[in-house]
Amino acid sequence: MIPVSALQAKLLSKVEGLAIVIPSGKYDQTFLVADADPTVAILLDGPHAFNAFQSSLAENWKGAVVEGVDIYVDQSSIYSVSSDGVKLGSIVISGDQPNLVANIKEGPWTSVELVPLRRSHNSTAGAHSEKVGFTSWQAILQDGNEKIVVFERSTVEDVED
């Protein structure tokens, strides 16, 4: 369970920081909001899972927002990005920068890209940085000594690239 003190009712376009948006309506979906610049919303479920767009464009989605989550990876799900390429829906660490692999649509084209999960001020990430990926991960809310799983992704095998 999530403490009510950790929840806010907001439009997706108003969410700031690394957050999970829990859907409140029949047509709403679960989102991860990445604290990138600009802020990016990534669908986490449904037929468009791991499609991403600027969250400022999301005036119609709403839900219960859990801001201040942290991403934890299952170290047993590690894979080599240099050998296997990136896997849609996985977490990729590039240098010291955590990213989520998502589809980004720009005009008629869709590309698979690394979406930074946090704003990078002095990151060692770059085009030539070492990269490792993790197919299993969780969004965790820390409440005192308790860790609450807000969202869990245990595999990316069922997501079409």
C-alpha atoms as a PDB file:
ATOM      1  CA  MET A   1       0.000   0.000   0.000  1.00  0.00           C
ATOM      2  CA  ILE A   2       1.023   3.575  -0.646  1.00  0.00           C
ATOM      3  CA  PRO A   3       0.623   6.182   2.104  1.00  0.00           C
ATOM      4  CA  VAL A   4      -1.855   8.902   1.134  1.00  0.00           C
ATOM      5  CA  SER A   5       0.764  11.509   2.057  1.00  0.00           C
ATOM      6  CA  ALA A   6       2.757  10.319  -0.988  1.00  0.00           C
ATOM      7  CA  LEU A   7      -0.108  10.762  -3.468  1.00  0.00           C
ATOM      8  CA  GLN A   8      -1.239  13.791  -5.451  1.00  0.00           C
ATOM      9  CA  ALA A   9      -4.072  14.084  -7.967  1.00  0.00           C
ATOM     10  CA  LYS A  10      -2.586  15.777 -11.043  1.00  0.00           C
ATOM     11  CA  LEU A  11      -2.683  16.038 -14.782  1.00  0.00           C
ATOM     12  CA  LEU A  12       0.274  14.263 -16.373  1.00  0.00           C
ATOM     13  CA  SER A  13       1.413  17.566 -17.881  1.00  0.00           C
ATOM     14  CA  LYS A  14       1.896  19.015 -14.370  1.00  0.00           C
ATOM     15  CA  VAL A  15       4.040  16.209 -12.913  1.00  0.00           C
ATOM     16  CA  GLU A  16       7.624  17.083 -11.986  1.00  0.00           C
ATOM     17  CA  GLY A  17      10.557  14.936 -10.990  1.00  0.00           C
ATOM     18  CA  LEU A  18      10.898  11.170 -11.329  1.00  0.00           C
ATOM     19  CA  ALA A  19       7.372   9.873 -10.746  1.00  0.00           C
ATOM     20  CA  ILE A  20       4.813   7.172 -11.448  1.00  0.00           C
ATOM     21  CA  VAL A  21       1.302   8.154 -12.522  1.00  0.00           C
ATOM     22  CA  ILE A  22      -1.278   5.549 -11.463  1.00  0.00           C
ATOM     23  CA  PRO A  23      -4.262   5.604 -13.841  1.00  0.00           C
ATOM     24  CA  SER A  24      -7.577   6.818 -12.436  1.00  0.00           C
ATOM     25  CA  GLY A  25      -9.914   6.324 -15.361  1.00  0.00           C
ATOM     26  CA  LYS A  26     -10.928   3.592 -17.753  1.00  0.00           C
ATOM     27  CA  TYR A  27      -8.855   5.081 -20.582  1.00  0.00           C
ATOM     28  CA  ASP A  28      -5.898   6.314 -18.496  1.00  0.00           C
ATOM     29  CA  GLN A  29      -2.637   4.368 -18.367  1.00  0.00           C
ATOM     30  CA  THR A  30       0.358   3.972 -16.071  1.00  0.00           C
ATOM     31  CA  PHE A  31       3.213   6.373 -16.835  1.00  0.00           C
ATOM     32  CA  LEU A  32       6.753   6.898 -15.674  1.00  0.00           C
ATOM     33  CA  VAL A  33       7.664  10.579 -15.768  1.00  0.00           C
ATOM     34  CA  ALA A  34      11.377  11.039 -16.350  1.00  0.00           C
ATOM     35  CA  ASP A  35      13.039  14.052 -14.766  1.00  0.00           C
ATOM     36  CA  ALA A  36      14.802  14.901 -18.034  1.00  0.00           C
ATOM     37  CA  ASP A  37      14.995  18.259 -19.728  1.00  0.00           C
ATOM     38  CA  PRO A  38      12.348  18.510 -21.097  1.00  0.00           C
ATOM     39  CA  THR A  39      10.267  16.232 -18.853  1.00  0.00           C
ATOM     40  CA  VAL A  40       9.260  13.026 -20.674  1.00  0.00           C
ATOM     41  CA  ALA A  41       6.228  10.775 -20.078  1.00  0.00           C
ATOM     42  CA  ILE A  42       6.670   7.069 -20.859  1.00  0.00           C
ATOM     43  CA  LEU A  43       3.698   4.711 -21.122  1.00  0.00           C
ATOM     44  CA  LEU A  44       4.350   1.608 -19.024  1.00  0.00           C
ATOM     45  CA  ASP A  45       1.429  -0.627 -19.975  1.00  0.00           C
ATOM     46  CA  GLY A  46      -1.118  -1.300 -22.677  1.00  0.00           C
ATOM     47  CA  PRO A  47      -0.632  -1.609 -26.424  1.00  0.00           C
ATOM     48  CA  HIS A  48       1.661   1.432 -26.562  1.00  0.00           C
ATOM     49  CA  ALA A  49       3.938   0.414 -23.677  1.00  0.00           C
ATOM     50  CA  PHE A  50       7.285   2.207 -23.721  1.00  0.00           C
ATOM     51  CA  ASN A  51       6.232   4.919 -26.149  1.00  0.00           C
ATOM     52  CA  ALA A  52       7.394   8.300 -24.884  1.00  0.00           C
ATOM     53  CA  PHE A  53       6.665  11.970 -25.483  1.00  0.00           C
ATOM     54  CA  GLN A  54       7.137  15.355 -23.800  1.00  0.00           C
ATOM     55  CA  SER A  55       4.844  15.363 -20.775  1.00  0.00           C
ATOM     56  CA  SER A  56       3.880  19.000 -21.376  1.00  0.00           C
ATOM     57  CA  LEU A  57       1.835  17.690 -24.338  1.00  0.00           C
ATOM     58  CA  ALA A  58      -0.248  15.378 -22.093  1.00  0.00           C
ATOM     59  CA  GLU A  59      -3.223  17.548 -21.178  1.00  0.00           C
ATOM     60  CA  ASN A  60      -5.755  14.680 -21.162  1.00  0.00           C
ATOM     61  CA  TRP A  61      -4.105  12.055 -18.925  1.00  0.00           C
ATOM     62  CA  LYS A  62      -4.514  12.141 -15.170  1.00  0.00           C
ATOM     63  CA  GLY A  63      -4.150   9.981 -12.125  1.00  0.00           C
ATOM     64  CA  ALA A  64      -2.647   9.547  -8.694  1.00  0.00           C
ATOM     65  CA  VAL A  65       0.938  10.739  -8.841  1.00  0.00           C
ATOM     66  CA  VAL A  66       3.740   9.307  -6.735  1.00  0.00           C
ATOM     67  CA  GLU A  67       6.674  11.710  -7.032  1.00  0.00           C
ATOM     68  CA  GLY A  68      10.130  11.024  -5.664  1.00  0.00           C
ATOM     69  CA  VAL A  69      10.371   7.372  -6.678  1.00  0.00           C
ATOM     70  CA  ASP A  70      13.724   5.728  -7.272  1.00  0.00           C
ATOM     71  CA  ILE A  71      14.486   2.997  -9.788  1.00  0.00           C
ATOM     72  CA  TYR A  72      15.946  -0.300  -8.585  1.00  0.00           C
ATOM     73  CA  VAL A  73      17.229  -2.949 -10.993  1.00  0.00           C
ATOM     74  CA  ASP A  74      17.405  -6.725 -10.602  1.00  0.00           C
ATOM     75  CA  GLN A  75      21.099  -7.410 -11.023  1.00  0.00           C
ATOM     76  CA  SER A  76      20.343 -10.935 -12.312  1.00  0.00           C
ATOM     77  CA  SER A  77      18.628  -9.372 -15.367  1.00  0.00           C
ATOM     78  CA  ILE A  78      21.788  -7.616 -16.585  1.00  0.00           C
ATOM     79  CA  TYR A  79      22.665  -7.766 -20.275  1.00  0.00           C
ATOM     80  CA  SER A  80      25.407  -6.410 -22.513  1.00  0.00           C
ATOM     81  CA  VAL A  81      24.245  -3.479 -24.609  1.00  0.00           C
ATOM     82  CA  SER A  82      27.330  -3.739 -26.838  1.00  0.00           C
ATOM     83  CA  SER A  83      26.541  -7.411 -27.605  1.00  0.00           C
ATOM     84  CA  ASP A  84      22.721  -7.443 -27.541  1.00  0.00           C
ATOM     85  CA  GLY A  85      21.742  -3.860 -28.381  1.00  0.00           C
ATOM     86  CA  VAL A  86      19.155  -2.031 -26.308  1.00  0.00           C
ATOM     87  CA  LYS A  87      15.936  -3.781 -25.283  1.00  0.00           C
ATOM     88  CA  LEU A  88      12.687  -1.815 -25.262  1.00  0.00           C
ATOM     89  CA  GLY A  89      11.479  -1.173 -21.711  1.00  0.00           C
ATOM     90  CA  SER A  90      14.800  -1.902 -20.066  1.00  0.00           C
ATOM     91  CA  ILE A  91      16.928   0.332 -17.872  1.00  0.00           C
ATOM     92  CA  VAL A  92      20.301   1.172 -19.425  1.00  0.00           C
ATOM     93  CA  ILE A  93      23.103   2.725 -17.408  1.00  0.00           C
ATOM     94  CA  SER A  94      25.364   4.819 -19.633  1.00  0.00           C
ATOM     95  CA  GLY A  95      28.365   6.001 -17.638  1.00  0.00           C
ATOM     96  CA  ASP A  96      26.572   7.174 -14.487  1.00  0.00           C
ATOM     97  CA  GLN A  97      23.294   8.131 -16.226  1.00  0.00           C
ATOM     98  CA  PRO A  98      20.230   5.869 -15.802  1.00  0.00           C
ATOM     99  CA  ASN A  99      17.959   5.736 -18.864  1.00  0.00           C
ATOM    100  CA  LEU A 100      14.816   3.921 -19.932  1.00  0.00           C
ATOM    101  CA  VAL A 101      14.716   2.503 -23.468  1.00  0.00           C
ATOM    102  CA  ALA A 102      11.610   3.860 -25.201  1.00  0.00           C
ATOM    103  CA  ASN A 103      10.110   4.606 -28.601  1.00  0.00           C
ATOM    104  CA  ILE A 104      10.197   8.299 -29.485  1.00  0.00           C
ATOM    105  CA  LYS A 105       8.036   9.489 -32.373  1.00  0.00           C
ATOM    106  CA  GLU A 106       9.230  12.530 -34.280  1.00  0.00           C
ATOM    107  CA  GLY A 107       7.130  13.326 -37.306  1.00  0.00           C
ATOM    108  CA  PRO A 108       6.582  10.196 -39.394  1.00  0.00           C
ATOM    109  CA  TRP A 109       9.554   8.389 -37.793  1.00  0.00           C
ATOM    110  CA  THR A 110       9.797   6.381 -34.601  1.00  0.00           C
ATOM    111  CA  SER A 111      13.174   5.600 -33.095  1.00  0.00           C
ATOM    112  CA  VAL A 112      14.273   3.579 -30.072  1.00  0.00           C
ATOM    113  CA  GLU A 113      16.169   5.916 -27.762  1.00  0.00           C
ATOM    114  CA  LEU A 114      17.628   6.151 -24.276  1.00  0.00           C
ATOM    115  CA  VAL A 115      15.437   8.510 -22.239  1.00  0.00           C
ATOM    116  CA  PRO A 116      17.382   9.979 -19.298  1.00  0.00           C
ATOM    117  CA  LEU A 117      15.601   9.367 -15.996  1.00  0.00           C
ATOM    118  CA  ARG A 118      17.160  12.375 -14.295  1.00  0.00           C
ATOM    119  CA  ARG A 119      18.601  15.695 -15.290  1.00  0.00           C
ATOM    120  CA  SER A 120      22.298  15.319 -15.932  1.00  0.00           C
ATOM    121  CA  HIS A 121      24.502  18.070 -14.572  1.00  0.00           C
ATOM    122  CA  ASN A 122      27.937  16.452 -14.406  1.00  0.00           C
ATOM    123  CA  SER A 123      27.180  13.097 -15.968  1.00  0.00           C
ATOM    124  CA  THR A 124      29.929  10.912 -17.391  1.00  0.00           C
ATOM    125  CA  ALA A 125      27.435   9.575 -19.953  1.00  0.00           C
ATOM    126  CA  GLY A 126      28.236  10.161 -23.577  1.00  0.00           C
ATOM    127  CA  ALA A 127      28.111   8.547 -26.975  1.00  0.00           C
ATOM    128  CA  HIS A 128      31.164   6.439 -26.150  1.00  0.00           C
ATOM    129  CA  SER A 129      30.287   5.586 -22.537  1.00  0.00           C
ATOM    130  CA  GLU A 130      30.135   1.988 -21.426  1.00  0.00           C
ATOM    131  CA  LYS A 131      26.541   0.773 -21.224  1.00  0.00           C
ATOM    132  CA  VAL A 132      24.837  -2.069 -19.361  1.00  0.00           C
ATOM    133  CA  GLY A 133      21.146  -2.918 -19.413  1.00  0.00           C
ATOM    134  CA  PHE A 134      18.679  -4.498 -17.005  1.00  0.00           C
ATOM    135  CA  THR A 135      15.408  -6.029 -18.185  1.00  0.00           C
ATOM    136  CA  SER A 136      13.844  -6.243 -14.698  1.00  0.00           C
ATOM    137  CA  TRP A 137      13.338  -3.162 -12.579  1.00  0.00           C
ATOM    138  CA  GLN A 138      11.071  -1.539 -10.005  1.00  0.00           C
ATOM    139  CA  ALA A 139       9.964   1.991  -9.162  1.00  0.00           C
ATOM    140  CA  ILE A 140      10.297   2.226  -5.376  1.00  0.00           C
ATOM    141  CA  LEU A 141       8.977   4.796  -2.916  1.00  0.00           C
ATOM    142  CA  GLN A 142      10.961   5.052   0.318  1.00  0.00           C
ATOM    143  CA  ASP A 143       8.686   5.646   3.326  1.00  0.00           C
ATOM    144  CA  GLY A 144      10.898   5.752   6.400  1.00  0.00           C
ATOM    145  CA  ASN A 145      12.541   2.338   6.572  1.00  0.00           C
ATOM    146  CA  GLU A 146       9.931   0.767   4.288  1.00  0.00           C
ATOM    147  CA  LYS A 147      10.381   0.378   0.533  1.00  0.00           C
ATOM    148  CA  ILE A 148       7.091   0.363  -1.379  1.00  0.00           C
ATOM    149  CA  VAL A 149       6.967  -1.063  -4.906  1.00  0.00           C
ATOM    150  CA  VAL A 150       4.901   1.367  -6.962  1.00  0.00           C
ATOM    151  CA  PHE A 151       5.572  -0.306 -10.335  1.00  0.00           C
ATOM    152  CA  GLU A 152       7.402  -3.456 -11.358  1.00  0.00           C
ATOM    153  CA  ARG A 153       8.732  -4.528 -14.744  1.00  0.00           C
ATOM    154  CA  SER A 154       9.964  -8.096 -14.544  1.00  0.00           C
ATOM    155  CA  THR A 155      10.596  -8.783 -18.218  1.00  0.00           C
ATOM    156  CA  VAL A 156      10.561  -7.098 -21.614  1.00  0.00           C
ATOM    157  CA  GLU A 157      10.059 -10.287 -23.613  1.00  0.00           C
ATOM    158  CA  ASP A 158       6.340  -9.611 -24.180  1.00  0.00           C
ATOM    159  CA  VAL A 159       6.901  -6.110 -25.566  1.00  0.00           C
ATOM    160  CA  GLU A 160       7.220  -5.879 -29.314  1.00  0.00           C
ATOM    161  CA  ASP A 161      10.146  -3.812 -30.600  1.00  0.00           C
END
